[in-house]
Amino acid sequence: MLRTLLGLLAFNGLAVVLGLGLLCASGLVRPRPVSLLPAVGAALVVGVAAIGTLTVAALAAGLHPENPRDRGGRARGRRALVRGGCAARAPRGPPAPEPVGRPDVRLWAPVAAVVVFVLAQVVAVRNIGVAWDAAHIWTV
């Protein structure tokens, strides 16, 4: 159980680091702690998407992670990724302005509506037994 949890945390940590690197290399995020912290969620999504894309491309190319004859190819691929990541530079030009202030309250209205709807549904079905059919699931 502990190995599974540690593996999950390590994978997500590596995905976040990869995503932050890609976001910084593309110029979407400045490599400063003030800019990196709010971008952690997006970095996780970008990192997992990059890992998935590279994995699918490798499998489509015929590479398999357990193929002992392909160890040299994997090492060359890692070196190419590291070189490509180190060679990427942020675009030149004026720096992007930092976001100022809090988001407008109107942006939270749809979120609040969904939360109120879900809470109303939870209260409405609190005494109903579980029924695993489509009609019940869609009405909840």
Protein backbone atom coordinates (compact mmCIF):
# COMPACT_ATOMS: atom_id res chain seq x y z
CA MET A 1 0.00 0.00 0.00
CA LEU A 2 2.78 2.41 0.89
CA ARG A 3 4.64 1.63 -2.34
CA THR A 4 1.50 2.40 -4.33
CA LEU A 5 1.03 5.73 -2.57
CA LEU A 6 4.68 6.67 -2.97
CA GLY A 7 4.57 5.68 -6.65
CA LEU A 8 1.48 7.82 -7.19
CA LEU A 9 3.10 10.79 -5.45
CA ALA A 10 6.33 10.34 -7.42
CA PHE A 11 4.48 10.11 -10.74
CA ASN A 12 2.42 13.23 -10.00
CA GLY A 13 5.52 15.06 -8.79
CA LEU A 14 7.41 14.22 -11.96
CA ALA A 15 4.40 15.21 -14.06
CA VAL A 16 4.22 18.58 -12.28
CA VAL A 17 7.95 19.19 -12.78
CA LEU A 18 7.69 18.25 -16.46
CA GLY A 19 4.61 20.45 -16.88
CA LEU A 20 6.26 23.42 -15.17
CA GLY A 21 9.28 22.98 -17.42
CA LEU A 22 7.10 22.92 -20.52
CA LEU A 23 5.07 25.93 -19.38
CA CYS A 24 8.25 27.89 -18.62
CA ALA A 25 9.87 26.86 -21.91
CA SER A 26 6.79 27.97 -23.85
CA GLY A 27 6.77 31.33 -22.09
CA LEU A 28 3.36 30.87 -20.49
CA VAL A 29 4.78 31.01 -16.96
CA ARG A 30 7.76 32.88 -15.62
CA PRO A 31 10.33 30.77 -13.78
CA ARG A 32 9.73 32.53 -10.46
CA PRO A 33 8.05 31.02 -7.38
CA VAL A 34 5.33 33.68 -7.42
CA SER A 35 4.36 32.67 -10.96
CA LEU A 36 5.00 28.93 -10.60
CA LEU A 37 2.78 28.28 -7.58
CA PRO A 38 -0.54 29.23 -9.24
CA ALA A 39 0.44 27.20 -12.32
CA VAL A 40 0.84 23.87 -10.48
CA GLY A 41 -2.62 22.61 -11.51
CA ALA A 42 -2.08 23.44 -15.15
CA ALA A 43 1.43 21.99 -14.93
CA LEU A 44 0.04 18.66 -13.73
CA VAL A 45 -2.37 18.52 -16.66
CA VAL A 46 0.34 19.52 -19.16
CA GLY A 47 2.82 17.03 -17.67
CA VAL A 48 0.39 14.10 -17.74
CA ALA A 49 -0.65 15.03 -21.29
CA ALA A 50 2.99 15.14 -22.39
CA ILE A 51 3.74 11.79 -20.75
CA GLY A 52 0.66 10.24 -22.36
CA THR A 53 1.44 11.68 -25.77
CA LEU A 54 5.04 10.49 -25.68
CA THR A 55 3.97 7.05 -24.47
CA VAL A 56 1.39 6.63 -27.23
CA ALA A 57 3.89 7.85 -29.83
CA ALA A 58 6.51 5.40 -28.57
CA LEU A 59 4.05 2.50 -28.59
CA ALA A 60 2.86 3.46 -32.08
CA ALA A 61 6.48 3.49 -33.23
CA GLY A 62 6.88 -0.06 -31.98
CA LEU A 63 8.84 0.64 -28.81
CA HIS A 64 7.92 -1.41 -25.79
CA PRO A 65 9.09 -0.64 -22.25
CA GLU A 66 10.02 -4.28 -21.53
CA ASN A 67 11.97 -4.90 -24.72
CA PRO A 68 15.58 -5.61 -23.59
CA ARG A 69 16.95 -4.92 -27.08
CA ASP A 70 15.72 -1.32 -26.98
CA ARG A 71 17.68 -0.02 -24.00
CA GLY A 72 19.95 2.07 -26.21
CA GLY A 73 16.97 3.62 -27.97
CA ARG A 74 15.43 4.65 -24.68
CA ALA A 75 18.70 6.21 -23.52
CA ARG A 76 19.00 8.13 -26.81
CA GLY A 77 15.40 9.28 -26.43
CA ARG A 78 16.02 10.53 -22.89
CA ARG A 79 19.12 12.41 -24.00
CA ALA A 80 17.20 14.00 -26.88
CA LEU A 81 14.42 15.10 -24.52
CA VAL A 82 16.91 16.60 -22.07
CA ARG A 83 18.79 18.40 -24.85
CA GLY A 84 15.55 19.71 -26.31
CA GLY A 85 14.32 20.91 -22.93
CA CYS A 86 17.62 22.61 -22.13
CA ALA A 87 17.78 24.24 -25.56
CA ALA A 88 14.28 25.74 -25.28
CA ARG A 89 14.32 29.38 -24.35
CA ALA A 90 11.55 31.68 -23.28
CA PRO A 91 10.42 34.03 -26.04
CA ARG A 92 11.97 37.47 -26.08
CA GLY A 93 9.89 40.56 -25.65
CA PRO A 94 8.19 42.45 -22.87
CA PRO A 95 7.32 40.35 -19.85
CA ALA A 96 3.69 39.41 -19.37
CA PRO A 97 1.96 41.48 -16.71
CA GLU A 98 1.35 39.78 -13.40
CA PRO A 99 -2.33 39.25 -12.53
CA VAL A 100 -3.57 41.87 -10.13
CA GLY A 101 -6.28 41.46 -7.54
CA ARG A 102 -8.86 38.75 -7.08
CA PRO A 103 -11.17 37.36 -9.74
CA ASP A 104 -14.50 39.06 -10.23
CA VAL A 105 -17.33 37.71 -8.07
CA ARG A 106 -19.43 37.05 -11.20
CA LEU A 107 -16.95 34.33 -12.20
CA TRP A 108 -17.97 32.32 -9.15
CA ALA A 109 -21.72 32.43 -9.93
CA PRO A 110 -21.72 29.28 -12.15
CA VAL A 111 -19.63 27.40 -9.59
CA ALA A 112 -21.96 28.45 -6.80
CA ALA A 113 -24.98 27.39 -8.86
CA VAL A 114 -23.53 23.91 -9.39
CA VAL A 115 -22.67 23.57 -5.69
CA VAL A 116 -26.16 24.65 -4.63
CA PHE A 117 -27.72 22.23 -7.13
CA VAL A 118 -25.60 19.30 -5.90
CA LEU A 119 -26.36 20.11 -2.26
CA ALA A 120 -30.09 20.33 -3.04
CA GLN A 121 -29.91 16.93 -4.76
CA VAL A 122 -28.07 15.40 -1.81
CA VAL A 123 -30.77 16.65 0.56
CA ALA A 124 -33.55 15.50 -1.79
CA VAL A 125 -32.29 11.92 -2.09
CA ARG A 126 -30.97 11.38 1.43
CA ASN A 127 -33.66 8.77 2.32
CA ILE A 128 -33.75 6.99 -1.04
CA GLY A 129 -32.01 3.64 -1.34
CA VAL A 130 -29.32 3.08 -3.91
CA ALA A 131 -30.67 2.00 -7.29
CA TRP A 132 -28.12 1.37 -10.00
CA ASP A 133 -30.17 2.15 -13.06
CA ALA A 134 -29.84 4.94 -15.57
CA ALA A 135 -33.07 6.70 -14.60
CA HIS A 136 -32.04 6.99 -10.96
CA ILE A 137 -28.50 8.06 -11.76
CA TRP A 138 -29.60 10.78 -14.19
CA THR A 139 -32.24 12.14 -11.80
CA VAL A 140 -29.67 12.44 -9.02
